[in-house]
Protein backbone atom coordinates (compact mmCIF):
# COMPACT_ATOMS: atom_id res chain seq x y z
CA MET A 1 -9.71 26.83 -76.63
CA LYS A 2 -10.14 26.34 -80.33
CA HIS A 3 -6.55 26.13 -80.16
CA VAL A 4 -5.44 23.77 -77.85
CA PHE A 5 -8.22 21.14 -78.30
CA HIS A 6 -8.89 21.11 -81.84
CA ASN A 7 -12.29 19.34 -82.86
CA THR A 8 -13.58 18.63 -78.88
CA TYR A 9 -16.47 19.64 -77.53
CA VAL A 10 -16.66 20.84 -73.81
CA GLY A 11 -19.99 20.42 -71.90
CA PHE A 12 -20.95 21.28 -68.22
CA CYS A 13 -23.60 19.75 -66.44
CA ALA A 14 -24.92 20.60 -63.04
CA LEU A 15 -28.48 21.42 -61.82
CA ARG A 16 -28.52 24.25 -59.68
CA THR A 17 -31.22 26.68 -58.59
CA ILE A 18 -30.58 30.53 -57.57
CA ILE A 19 -32.88 32.10 -55.56
CA PRO A 20 -33.68 36.14 -56.76
CA ARG A 21 -32.66 38.56 -54.40
CA LYS A 22 -35.97 39.61 -53.40
CA TYR A 23 -36.79 35.90 -51.96
CA GLN A 24 -34.00 35.82 -50.58
CA LYS A 25 -34.56 36.87 -47.37
CA ILE A 26 -38.27 36.53 -46.80
CA ARG A 27 -36.87 32.22 -47.20
CA ALA A 28 -35.26 30.56 -44.11
CA LYS A 29 -31.88 30.94 -43.14
CA ARG A 30 -30.70 28.55 -45.37
CA SER A 31 -31.91 30.78 -48.85
CA TYR A 32 -27.77 31.05 -49.01
CA LYS A 33 -27.23 27.78 -50.50
CA ARG A 34 -29.47 28.88 -53.22
CA SER A 35 -28.05 32.37 -53.73
CA TYR A 36 -26.13 33.47 -56.99
CA SER A 37 -22.59 33.91 -55.13
CA ASN A 38 -22.92 30.23 -53.19
CA VAL A 39 -24.06 28.93 -56.30
CA LEU A 40 -21.01 30.66 -58.12
CA GLU A 41 -18.72 28.91 -55.49
CA GLU A 42 -19.92 24.87 -55.60
CA ASN A 43 -19.75 25.47 -59.42
CA LEU A 44 -16.41 26.77 -59.28
CA LYS A 45 -15.37 23.53 -56.94
CA ASP A 46 -17.25 21.32 -59.24
CA LEU A 47 -15.06 22.29 -62.28
CA VAL A 48 -11.57 22.27 -60.17
CA PHE A 49 -12.47 19.06 -58.66
CA PRO A 50 -8.58 17.86 -58.84
CA THR A 51 -7.28 20.11 -56.93
CA ASN A 52 -8.38 21.84 -53.65
CA ILE A 53 -9.39 25.95 -53.64
CA ILE A 54 -7.11 27.68 -51.01
CA GLY A 55 -7.50 31.30 -51.93
CA LYS A 56 -9.89 33.42 -53.75
CA ARG A 57 -9.71 37.44 -54.75
CA VAL A 58 -12.19 38.71 -56.42
CA TYR A 59 -11.75 42.86 -57.69
CA HIS A 60 -14.17 45.33 -58.99
CA PHE A 61 -12.97 47.88 -61.39
CA SER A 62 -14.71 51.06 -62.37
CA ASN A 63 -16.45 50.02 -65.13
CA ASP A 64 -18.61 47.58 -63.47
CA THR A 65 -16.19 44.36 -64.88
CA VAL A 66 -15.61 41.83 -62.07
CA LYS A 67 -11.93 39.96 -62.31
CA VAL A 68 -11.87 36.67 -60.25
CA HIS A 69 -8.31 34.97 -59.02
CA LEU A 70 -8.44 31.56 -57.99
CA TYR A 71 -5.49 29.70 -56.34
CA VAL A 72 -5.46 26.16 -56.61
CA GLN A 73 -3.07 24.16 -54.72
CA ASP A 74 -2.34 20.09 -56.53
CA ASN A 75 -1.56 17.79 -53.80
CA LYS A 76 -1.32 14.57 -56.43
CA ASN A 77 -0.10 16.51 -59.39
CA THR A 78 -2.68 15.35 -61.72
CA THR A 79 -3.23 19.36 -62.74
CA SER A 80 -1.21 21.56 -65.26
CA GLN A 81 -1.24 24.95 -65.87
CA LYS A 82 -2.53 24.66 -69.93
CA LYS A 83 -5.32 22.45 -68.43
CA LEU A 84 -6.30 25.32 -66.10
CA ASN A 85 -5.97 28.11 -68.61
CA CYS A 86 -8.78 26.21 -71.01
CA LEU A 87 -10.64 25.11 -68.08
CA SER A 88 -10.46 29.22 -66.55
CA LYS A 89 -11.43 30.51 -70.44
CA ALA A 90 -14.40 27.93 -70.74
CA ILE A 91 -16.10 28.58 -67.55
CA SER A 92 -14.71 32.50 -68.26
CA GLY A 93 -17.61 31.72 -71.28
CA TYR A 94 -20.04 29.98 -69.38
CA LEU A 95 -19.94 32.15 -66.74
CA LYS A 96 -19.59 35.50 -68.05
CA ILE A 97 -16.65 36.11 -65.56
CA ASN A 98 -12.87 37.21 -65.65
CA LEU A 99 -11.23 34.35 -64.74
CA MET A 100 -7.81 33.30 -64.15
CA VAL A 101 -7.00 30.17 -62.18
CA GLU A 102 -3.15 29.54 -60.52
CA ILE A 103 -1.43 27.25 -59.20
CA VAL A 104 0.14 27.69 -55.78
CA SER A 105 2.97 25.31 -54.75
CA SER A 106 2.70 23.07 -51.75
CA PRO A 107 4.63 24.73 -48.47
């Protein structure tokens, strides 16, 4: 991102609570809203907001790495692939996952 946005700071602001795994079963049925997977999903929705997420593939490799491939649809043509690539690099550093975002054309 340094090469694309020179002298620019990127900040993410969100407040979400993640319940530890051992307490998720004890609490009410609504505890899924505060699980790691749901918080990650909500963060991704917030970060790619003008577009709609229409598909998600998660790849698990034998060396314990995870790659997430998001397919998004931009109905208003406001988001470019270059912008999403920069955003995915920022998210990869922030959420510690390997993320790839791809725009899918409208059918």
